[in-house]
ModelCIF file with pLDDT and N, C-alpha, C, O atoms, coordinates in Angstrom:
data_MODEL
#
_entry.id   MODEL 
#
_entity.id                         1 
_entity.type                       polymer 
_entity.pdbx_number_of_molecules   1 
#
_entity_poly.entity_id                      1 
_entity_poly.type                           'polypeptide(L)' 
_entity_poly.nstd_linkage                   no 
_entity_poly.nstd_monomer                   no 
_entity_poly.pdbx_seq_one_letter_code       
;(UNK)(UNK)(UNK)(UNK)(UNK)(UNK)(UNK)(UNK)(UNK)(UNK)(UNK)(UNK)(UNK)(UNK)(UNK)(UNK)
(UNK)(UNK)(UNK)(UNK)(UNK)(UNK)(UNK)(UNK)(UNK)(UNK)(UNK)(UNK)(UNK)(UNK)(UNK)(UNK)
(UNK)(UNK)(UNK)(UNK)(UNK)(UNK)
;
_entity_poly.pdbx_seq_one_letter_code_can   XXXXXXXXXXXXXXXXXXXXXXXXXXXXXXXXXXXXXX 
_entity_poly.pdbx_strand_id                 A 
#
loop_
_entity_poly_seq.entity_id 
_entity_poly_seq.num 
_entity_poly_seq.mon_id 
_entity_poly_seq.hetero 
1 1  UNK n 
1 2  UNK n 
1 3  UNK n 
1 4  UNK n 
1 5  UNK n 
1 6  UNK n 
1 7  UNK n 
1 8  UNK n 
1 9  UNK n 
1 10 UNK n 
1 11 UNK n 
1 12 UNK n 
1 13 UNK n 
1 14 UNK n 
1 15 UNK n 
1 16 UNK n 
1 17 UNK n 
1 18 UNK n 
1 19 UNK n 
1 20 UNK n 
1 21 UNK n 
1 22 UNK n 
1 23 UNK n 
1 24 UNK n 
1 25 UNK n 
1 26 UNK n 
1 27 UNK n 
1 28 UNK n 
1 29 UNK n 
1 30 UNK n 
1 31 UNK n 
1 32 UNK n 
1 33 UNK n 
1 34 UNK n 
1 35 UNK n 
1 36 UNK n 
1 37 UNK n 
1 38 UNK n 
#
_struct_asym.id          A 
_struct_asym.entity_id   1 
#
loop_
_ma_qa_metric.id 
_ma_qa_metric.mode 
_ma_qa_metric.name 
_ma_qa_metric.software_group_id 
_ma_qa_metric.type 
1 global pLDDT . pLDDT 
2 local  pLDDT . pLDDT 
#
_ma_qa_metric_global.metric_id      1 
_ma_qa_metric_global.metric_value   81.32 
_ma_qa_metric_global.model_id       1 
_ma_qa_metric_global.ordinal_id     1 
#
loop_
_ma_qa_metric_local.label_asym_id 
_ma_qa_metric_local.label_comp_id 
_ma_qa_metric_local.label_seq_id 
_ma_qa_metric_local.metric_id 
_ma_qa_metric_local.metric_value 
_ma_qa_metric_local.model_id 
_ma_qa_metric_local.ordinal_id 
A UNK 1  2 79.00 1 1  
A UNK 2  2 82.00 1 2  
A UNK 3  2 82.00 1 3  
A UNK 4  2 73.00 1 4  
A UNK 5  2 66.00 1 5  
A UNK 6  2 63.00 1 6  
A UNK 7  2 63.00 1 7  
A UNK 8  2 71.00 1 8  
A UNK 9  2 72.00 1 9  
A UNK 10 2 75.00 1 10 
A UNK 11 2 78.00 1 11 
A UNK 12 2 80.00 1 12 
A UNK 13 2 87.00 1 13 
A UNK 14 2 88.00 1 14 
A UNK 15 2 92.00 1 15 
A UNK 16 2 91.00 1 16 
A UNK 17 2 92.00 1 17 
A UNK 18 2 90.00 1 18 
A UNK 19 2 92.00 1 19 
A UNK 20 2 90.00 1 20 
A UNK 21 2 90.00 1 21 
A UNK 22 2 90.00 1 22 
A UNK 23 2 92.00 1 23 
A UNK 24 2 93.00 1 24 
A UNK 25 2 90.00 1 25 
A UNK 26 2 89.00 1 26 
A UNK 27 2 87.00 1 27 
A UNK 28 2 84.00 1 28 
A UNK 29 2 78.00 1 29 
A UNK 30 2 77.00 1 30 
A UNK 31 2 75.00 1 31 
A UNK 32 2 71.00 1 32 
A UNK 33 2 74.00 1 33 
A UNK 34 2 74.00 1 34 
A UNK 35 2 77.00 1 35 
A UNK 36 2 77.00 1 36 
A UNK 37 2 81.00 1 37 
A UNK 38 2 85.00 1 38 
#
loop_
_atom_site.group_PDB 
_atom_site.id 
_atom_site.type_symbol 
_atom_site.label_atom_id 
_atom_site.label_alt_id 
_atom_site.label_comp_id 
_atom_site.label_asym_id 
_atom_site.label_entity_id 
_atom_site.label_seq_id 
_atom_site.pdbx_PDB_ins_code 
_atom_site.Cartn_x 
_atom_site.Cartn_y 
_atom_site.Cartn_z 
_atom_site.occupancy 
_atom_site.B_iso_or_equiv 
_atom_site.pdbx_formal_charge 
_atom_site.auth_seq_id 
_atom_site.auth_comp_id 
_atom_site.auth_asym_id 
_atom_site.auth_atom_id 
_atom_site.pdbx_PDB_model_num 
ATOM 1   N N  . UNK A 1 1  ? 99.421  120.038 102.796 1.00 79.00 ? 1  UNK A N  1 
ATOM 2   C CA . UNK A 1 1  ? 99.195  118.821 103.628 1.00 79.00 ? 1  UNK A CA 1 
ATOM 3   C C  . UNK A 1 1  ? 99.372  117.555 102.798 1.00 79.00 ? 1  UNK A C  1 
ATOM 4   O O  . UNK A 1 1  ? 100.044 116.617 103.229 1.00 79.00 ? 1  UNK A O  1 
ATOM 5   N N  . UNK A 1 2  ? 98.784  117.524 101.631 1.00 82.00 ? 2  UNK A N  1 
ATOM 6   C CA . UNK A 1 2  ? 98.841  116.357 100.744 1.00 82.00 ? 2  UNK A CA 1 
ATOM 7   C C  . UNK A 1 2  ? 100.272 116.076 100.304 1.00 82.00 ? 2  UNK A C  1 
ATOM 8   O O  . UNK A 1 2  ? 100.681 114.922 100.182 1.00 82.00 ? 2  UNK A O  1 
ATOM 9   N N  . UNK A 1 3  ? 101.020 117.136 100.070 1.00 82.00 ? 3  UNK A N  1 
ATOM 10  C CA . UNK A 1 3  ? 102.426 116.937 99.626  1.00 82.00 ? 3  UNK A CA 1 
ATOM 11  C C  . UNK A 1 3  ? 103.286 116.375 100.732 1.00 82.00 ? 3  UNK A C  1 
ATOM 12  O O  . UNK A 1 3  ? 104.296 115.724 100.466 1.00 82.00 ? 3  UNK A O  1 
ATOM 13  N N  . UNK A 1 4  ? 102.893 116.621 101.987 1.00 73.00 ? 4  UNK A N  1 
ATOM 14  C CA . UNK A 1 4  ? 103.713 116.149 103.138 1.00 73.00 ? 4  UNK A CA 1 
ATOM 15  C C  . UNK A 1 4  ? 103.526 114.669 103.399 1.00 73.00 ? 4  UNK A C  1 
ATOM 16  O O  . UNK A 1 4  ? 104.392 114.039 104.007 1.00 73.00 ? 4  UNK A O  1 
ATOM 17  N N  . UNK A 1 5  ? 102.410 114.094 102.952 1.00 66.00 ? 5  UNK A N  1 
ATOM 18  C CA . UNK A 1 5  ? 102.133 112.657 103.242 1.00 66.00 ? 5  UNK A CA 1 
ATOM 19  C C  . UNK A 1 5  ? 101.315 112.085 102.142 1.00 66.00 ? 5  UNK A C  1 
ATOM 20  O O  . UNK A 1 5  ? 100.136 112.409 102.005 1.00 66.00 ? 5  UNK A O  1 
ATOM 21  N N  . UNK A 1 6  ? 101.939 111.205 101.321 1.00 63.00 ? 6  UNK A N  1 
ATOM 22  C CA . UNK A 1 6  ? 101.260 110.675 100.174 1.00 63.00 ? 6  UNK A CA 1 
ATOM 23  C C  . UNK A 1 6  ? 100.001 109.907 100.531 1.00 63.00 ? 6  UNK A C  1 
ATOM 24  O O  . UNK A 1 6  ? 99.066  109.841 99.733  1.00 63.00 ? 6  UNK A O  1 
ATOM 25  N N  . UNK A 1 7  ? 99.967  109.310 101.751 1.00 63.00 ? 7  UNK A N  1 
ATOM 26  C CA . UNK A 1 7  ? 98.850  108.502 102.165 1.00 63.00 ? 7  UNK A CA 1 
ATOM 27  C C  . UNK A 1 7  ? 97.499  109.218 102.251 1.00 63.00 ? 7  UNK A C  1 
ATOM 28  O O  . UNK A 1 7  ? 96.441  108.588 102.235 1.00 63.00 ? 7  UNK A O  1 
ATOM 29  N N  . UNK A 1 8  ? 97.565  110.559 102.344 1.00 71.00 ? 8  UNK A N  1 
ATOM 30  C CA . UNK A 1 8  ? 96.301  111.316 102.449 1.00 71.00 ? 8  UNK A CA 1 
ATOM 31  C C  . UNK A 1 8  ? 95.756  111.748 101.105 1.00 71.00 ? 8  UNK A C  1 
ATOM 32  O O  . UNK A 1 8  ? 94.673  112.332 101.049 1.00 71.00 ? 8  UNK A O  1 
ATOM 33  N N  . UNK A 1 9  ? 96.464  111.484 100.026 1.00 72.00 ? 9  UNK A N  1 
ATOM 34  C CA . UNK A 1 9  ? 96.067  111.964 98.719  1.00 72.00 ? 9  UNK A CA 1 
ATOM 35  C C  . UNK A 1 9  ? 94.695  111.355 98.278  1.00 72.00 ? 9  UNK A C  1 
ATOM 36  O O  . UNK A 1 9  ? 93.993  111.936 97.450  1.00 72.00 ? 9  UNK A O  1 
ATOM 37  N N  . UNK A 1 10 ? 94.349  110.220 98.829  1.00 75.00 ? 10 UNK A N  1 
ATOM 38  C CA . UNK A 1 10 ? 93.089  109.582 98.400  1.00 75.00 ? 10 UNK A CA 1 
ATOM 39  C C  . UNK A 1 10 ? 91.850  110.270 99.021  1.00 75.00 ? 10 UNK A C  1 
ATOM 40  O O  . UNK A 1 10 ? 90.727  110.036 98.575  1.00 75.00 ? 10 UNK A O  1 
ATOM 41  N N  . UNK A 1 11 ? 92.054  111.099 100.027 1.00 78.00 ? 11 UNK A N  1 
ATOM 42  C CA . UNK A 1 11 ? 90.933  111.764 100.665 1.00 78.00 ? 11 UNK A CA 1 
ATOM 43  C C  . UNK A 1 11 ? 90.476  112.968 99.764  1.00 78.00 ? 11 UNK A C  1 
ATOM 44  O O  . UNK A 1 11 ? 91.274  113.608 99.079  1.00 78.00 ? 11 UNK A O  1 
ATOM 45  N N  . UNK A 1 12 ? 89.190  113.213 99.816  1.00 80.00 ? 12 UNK A N  1 
ATOM 46  C CA . UNK A 1 12 ? 88.629  114.322 99.046  1.00 80.00 ? 12 UNK A CA 1 
ATOM 47  C C  . UNK A 1 12 ? 88.331  115.522 99.981  1.00 80.00 ? 12 UNK A C  1 
ATOM 48  O O  . UNK A 1 12 ? 87.556  115.412 100.930 1.00 80.00 ? 12 UNK A O  1 
ATOM 49  N N  . UNK A 1 13 ? 88.951  116.622 99.686  1.00 87.00 ? 13 UNK A N  1 
ATOM 50  C CA . UNK A 1 13 ? 88.685  117.830 100.501 1.00 87.00 ? 13 UNK A CA 1 
ATOM 51  C C  . UNK A 1 13 ? 87.342  118.479 100.153 1.00 87.00 ? 13 UNK A C  1 
ATOM 52  O O  . UNK A 1 13 ? 86.850  118.360 99.031  1.00 87.00 ? 13 UNK A O  1 
ATOM 53  N N  . UNK A 1 14 ? 86.770  119.160 101.130 1.00 88.00 ? 14 UNK A N  1 
ATOM 54  C CA . UNK A 1 14 ? 85.577  119.939 100.880 1.00 88.00 ? 14 UNK A CA 1 
ATOM 55  C C  . UNK A 1 14 ? 85.818  121.340 101.374 1.00 88.00 ? 14 UNK A C  1 
ATOM 56  O O  . UNK A 1 14 ? 86.274  121.534 102.501 1.00 88.00 ? 14 UNK A O  1 
ATOM 57  N N  . UNK A 1 15 ? 85.524  122.303 100.561 1.00 92.00 ? 15 UNK A N  1 
ATOM 58  C CA . UNK A 1 15 ? 85.768  123.707 100.880 1.00 92.00 ? 15 UNK A CA 1 
ATOM 59  C C  . UNK A 1 15 ? 84.450  124.380 101.151 1.00 92.00 ? 15 UNK A C  1 
ATOM 60  O O  . UNK A 1 15 ? 83.629  124.515 100.243 1.00 92.00 ? 15 UNK A O  1 
ATOM 61  N N  . UNK A 1 16 ? 84.225  124.804 102.375 1.00 91.00 ? 16 UNK A N  1 
ATOM 62  C CA . UNK A 1 16 ? 82.943  125.404 102.768 1.00 91.00 ? 16 UNK A CA 1 
ATOM 63  C C  . UNK A 1 16 ? 83.197  126.817 103.297 1.00 91.00 ? 16 UNK A C  1 
ATOM 64  O O  . UNK A 1 16 ? 84.047  127.027 104.162 1.00 91.00 ? 16 UNK A O  1 
ATOM 65  N N  . UNK A 1 17 ? 82.451  127.770 102.765 1.00 92.00 ? 17 UNK A N  1 
ATOM 66  C CA . UNK A 1 17 ? 82.540  129.153 103.259 1.00 92.00 ? 17 UNK A CA 1 
ATOM 67  C C  . UNK A 1 17 ? 81.953  129.257 104.645 1.00 92.00 ? 17 UNK A C  1 
ATOM 68  O O  . UNK A 1 17 ? 80.935  128.626 104.931 1.00 92.00 ? 17 UNK A O  1 
ATOM 69  N N  . UNK A 1 18 ? 82.568  130.035 105.512 1.00 90.00 ? 18 UNK A N  1 
ATOM 70  C CA . UNK A 1 18 ? 82.090  130.305 106.874 1.00 90.00 ? 18 UNK A CA 1 
ATOM 71  C C  . UNK A 1 18 ? 81.051  131.394 106.783 1.00 90.00 ? 18 UNK A C  1 
ATOM 72  O O  . UNK A 1 18 ? 81.377  132.494 106.339 1.00 90.00 ? 18 UNK A O  1 
ATOM 73  N N  . UNK A 1 19 ? 79.768  131.140 107.194 1.00 92.00 ? 19 UNK A N  1 
ATOM 74  C CA . UNK A 1 19 ? 78.764  132.173 107.066 1.00 92.00 ? 19 UNK A CA 1 
ATOM 75  C C  . UNK A 1 19 ? 79.121  133.471 107.774 1.00 92.00 ? 19 UNK A C  1 
ATOM 76  O O  . UNK A 1 19 ? 79.487  133.454 108.949 1.00 92.00 ? 19 UNK A O  1 
ATOM 77  N N  . UNK A 1 20 ? 79.020  134.580 107.084 1.00 90.00 ? 20 UNK A N  1 
ATOM 78  C CA . UNK A 1 20 ? 79.273  135.908 107.650 1.00 90.00 ? 20 UNK A CA 1 
ATOM 79  C C  . UNK A 1 20 ? 80.717  136.236 107.830 1.00 90.00 ? 20 UNK A C  1 
ATOM 80  O O  . UNK A 1 20 ? 81.030  137.295 108.375 1.00 90.00 ? 20 UNK A O  1 
ATOM 81  N N  . UNK A 1 21 ? 81.633  135.376 107.397 1.00 90.00 ? 21 UNK A N  1 
ATOM 82  C CA . UNK A 1 21 ? 83.072  135.667 107.560 1.00 90.00 ? 21 UNK A CA 1 
ATOM 83  C C  . UNK A 1 21 ? 83.813  135.400 106.218 1.00 90.00 ? 21 UNK A C  1 
ATOM 84  O O  . UNK A 1 21 ? 83.376  134.560 105.432 1.00 90.00 ? 21 UNK A O  1 
ATOM 85  N N  . UNK A 1 22 ? 84.924  136.111 105.965 1.00 90.00 ? 22 UNK A N  1 
ATOM 86  C CA . UNK A 1 22 ? 85.664  135.870 104.711 1.00 90.00 ? 22 UNK A CA 1 
ATOM 87  C C  . UNK A 1 22 ? 86.592  134.678 104.876 1.00 90.00 ? 22 UNK A C  1 
ATOM 88  O O  . UNK A 1 22 ? 87.783  134.791 104.588 1.00 90.00 ? 22 UNK A O  1 
ATOM 89  N N  . UNK A 1 23 ? 86.090  133.556 105.324 1.00 92.00 ? 23 UNK A N  1 
ATOM 90  C CA . UNK A 1 23 ? 86.908  132.394 105.615 1.00 92.00 ? 23 UNK A CA 1 
ATOM 91  C C  . UNK A 1 23 ? 86.356  131.169 104.892 1.00 92.00 ? 23 UNK A C  1 
ATOM 92  O O  . UNK A 1 23 ? 85.151  131.064 104.661 1.00 92.00 ? 23 UNK A O  1 
ATOM 93  N N  . UNK A 1 24 ? 87.238  130.254 104.540 1.00 93.00 ? 24 UNK A N  1 
ATOM 94  C CA . UNK A 1 24 ? 86.836  129.003 103.916 1.00 93.00 ? 24 UNK A CA 1 
ATOM 95  C C  . UNK A 1 24 ? 87.402  127.855 104.737 1.00 93.00 ? 24 UNK A C  1 
ATOM 96  O O  . UNK A 1 24 ? 88.604  127.800 104.997 1.00 93.00 ? 24 UNK A O  1 
ATOM 97  N N  . UNK A 1 25 ? 86.537  126.946 105.139 1.00 90.00 ? 25 UNK A N  1 
ATOM 98  C CA . UNK A 1 25 ? 86.933  125.780 105.921 1.00 90.00 ? 25 UNK A CA 1 
ATOM 99  C C  . UNK A 1 25 ? 87.416  124.677 104.935 1.00 90.00 ? 25 UNK A C  1 
ATOM 100 O O  . UNK A 1 25 ? 86.880  124.500 103.841 1.00 90.00 ? 25 UNK A O  1 
ATOM 101 N N  . UNK A 1 26 ? 88.432  123.972 105.382 1.00 89.00 ? 26 UNK A N  1 
ATOM 102 C CA . UNK A 1 26 ? 88.874  122.777 104.635 1.00 89.00 ? 26 UNK A CA 1 
ATOM 103 C C  . UNK A 1 26 ? 88.513  121.550 105.474 1.00 89.00 ? 26 UNK A C  1 
ATOM 104 O O  . UNK A 1 26 ? 89.029  121.352 106.574 1.00 89.00 ? 26 UNK A O  1 
ATOM 105 N N  . UNK A 1 27 ? 87.619  120.740 104.926 1.00 87.00 ? 27 UNK A N  1 
ATOM 106 C CA . UNK A 1 27 ? 87.296  119.514 105.636 1.00 87.00 ? 27 UNK A CA 1 
ATOM 107 C C  . UNK A 1 27 ? 87.594  118.313 104.702 1.00 87.00 ? 27 UNK A C  1 
ATOM 108 O O  . UNK A 1 27 ? 87.489  118.414 103.480 1.00 87.00 ? 27 UNK A O  1 
ATOM 109 N N  . UNK A 1 28 ? 87.953  117.224 105.302 1.00 84.00 ? 28 UNK A N  1 
ATOM 110 C CA . UNK A 1 28 ? 88.325  116.027 104.556 1.00 84.00 ? 28 UNK A CA 1 
ATOM 111 C C  . UNK A 1 28 ? 87.561  114.847 105.105 1.00 84.00 ? 28 UNK A C  1 
ATOM 112 O O  . UNK A 1 28 ? 87.395  114.704 106.317 1.00 84.00 ? 28 UNK A O  1 
ATOM 113 N N  . UNK A 1 29 ? 87.091  113.993 104.192 1.00 78.00 ? 29 UNK A N  1 
ATOM 114 C CA . UNK A 1 29 ? 86.410  112.814 104.651 1.00 78.00 ? 29 UNK A CA 1 
ATOM 115 C C  . UNK A 1 29 ? 85.486  112.341 103.546 1.00 78.00 ? 29 UNK A C  1 
ATOM 116 O O  . UNK A 1 29 ? 85.534  112.857 102.430 1.00 78.00 ? 29 UNK A O  1 
ATOM 117 N N  . UNK A 1 30 ? 84.631  111.346 103.852 1.00 77.00 ? 30 UNK A N  1 
ATOM 118 C CA . UNK A 1 30 ? 84.573  110.680 105.159 1.00 77.00 ? 30 UNK A CA 1 
ATOM 119 C C  . UNK A 1 30 ? 85.746  109.731 105.345 1.00 77.00 ? 30 UNK A C  1 
ATOM 120 O O  . UNK A 1 30 ? 86.269  109.174 104.380 1.00 77.00 ? 30 UNK A O  1 
ATOM 121 N N  . UNK A 1 31 ? 86.142  109.560 106.563 1.00 75.00 ? 31 UNK A N  1 
ATOM 122 C CA . UNK A 1 31 ? 87.202  108.623 106.880 1.00 75.00 ? 31 UNK A CA 1 
ATOM 123 C C  . UNK A 1 31 ? 86.586  107.273 107.217 1.00 75.00 ? 31 UNK A C  1 
ATOM 124 O O  . UNK A 1 31 ? 85.489  107.217 107.774 1.00 75.00 ? 31 UNK A O  1 
ATOM 125 N N  . UNK A 1 32 ? 87.257  106.213 106.895 1.00 71.00 ? 32 UNK A N  1 
ATOM 126 C CA . UNK A 1 32 ? 86.697  104.889 107.080 1.00 71.00 ? 32 UNK A CA 1 
ATOM 127 C C  . UNK A 1 32 ? 86.903  104.348 108.491 1.00 71.00 ? 32 UNK A C  1 
ATOM 128 O O  . UNK A 1 32 ? 86.125  103.511 108.949 1.00 71.00 ? 32 UNK A O  1 
ATOM 129 N N  . UNK A 1 33 ? 87.929  104.809 109.177 1.00 74.00 ? 33 UNK A N  1 
ATOM 130 C CA . UNK A 1 33 ? 88.174  104.378 110.521 1.00 74.00 ? 33 UNK A CA 1 
ATOM 131 C C  . UNK A 1 33 ? 89.090  105.381 111.240 1.00 74.00 ? 33 UNK A C  1 
ATOM 132 O O  . UNK A 1 33 ? 89.582  106.346 110.655 1.00 74.00 ? 33 UNK A O  1 
ATOM 133 N N  . UNK A 1 34 ? 89.291  105.110 112.517 1.00 74.00 ? 34 UNK A N  1 
ATOM 134 C CA . UNK A 1 34 ? 90.107  106.074 113.292 1.00 74.00 ? 34 UNK A CA 1 
ATOM 135 C C  . UNK A 1 34 ? 91.556  106.084 112.864 1.00 74.00 ? 34 UNK A C  1 
ATOM 136 O O  . UNK A 1 34 ? 92.234  107.105 112.974 1.00 74.00 ? 34 UNK A O  1 
ATOM 137 N N  . UNK A 1 35 ? 92.047  104.930 112.366 1.00 77.00 ? 35 UNK A N  1 
ATOM 138 C CA . UNK A 1 35 ? 93.420  104.886 111.912 1.00 77.00 ? 35 UNK A CA 1 
ATOM 139 C C  . UNK A 1 35 ? 93.640  105.931 110.792 1.00 77.00 ? 35 UNK A C  1 
ATOM 140 O O  . UNK A 1 35 ? 94.647  106.638 110.775 1.00 77.00 ? 35 UNK A O  1 
ATOM 141 N N  . UNK A 1 36 ? 92.686  106.003 109.877 1.00 77.00 ? 36 UNK A N  1 
ATOM 142 C CA . UNK A 1 36 ? 92.773  106.994 108.816 1.00 77.00 ? 36 UNK A CA 1 
ATOM 143 C C  . UNK A 1 36 ? 92.701  108.399 109.361 1.00 77.00 ? 36 UNK A C  1 
ATOM 144 O O  . UNK A 1 36 ? 93.425  109.282 108.901 1.00 77.00 ? 36 UNK A O  1 
ATOM 145 N N  . UNK A 1 37 ? 91.825  108.622 110.347 1.00 81.00 ? 37 UNK A N  1 
ATOM 146 C CA . UNK A 1 37 ? 91.679  109.966 110.919 1.00 81.00 ? 37 UNK A CA 1 
ATOM 147 C C  . UNK A 1 37 ? 92.951  110.374 111.625 1.00 81.00 ? 37 UNK A C  1 
ATOM 148 O O  . UNK A 1 37 ? 93.388  111.518 111.500 1.00 81.00 ? 37 UNK A O  1 
ATOM 149 N N  . UNK A 1 38 ? 93.548  109.468 112.359 1.00 85.00 ? 38 UNK A N  1 
ATOM 150 C CA . UNK A 1 38 ? 94.760  109.767 113.110 1.00 85.00 ? 38 UNK A CA 1 
ATOM 151 C C  . UNK A 1 38 ? 95.919  109.984 112.161 1.00 85.00 ? 38 UNK A C  1 
ATOM 152 O O  . UNK A 1 38 ? 97.037  110.249 112.603 1.00 85.00 ? 38 UNK A O  1 
#
């Protein structure tokens, strides 16, 4: 995702394990406004 759009490189990802499942969530933020989120 970061390689596809340089503008998102400033966001910090957070990797959280899903309880009871072999999955890891990727979350990014906090965003400062909706324009950043969009």
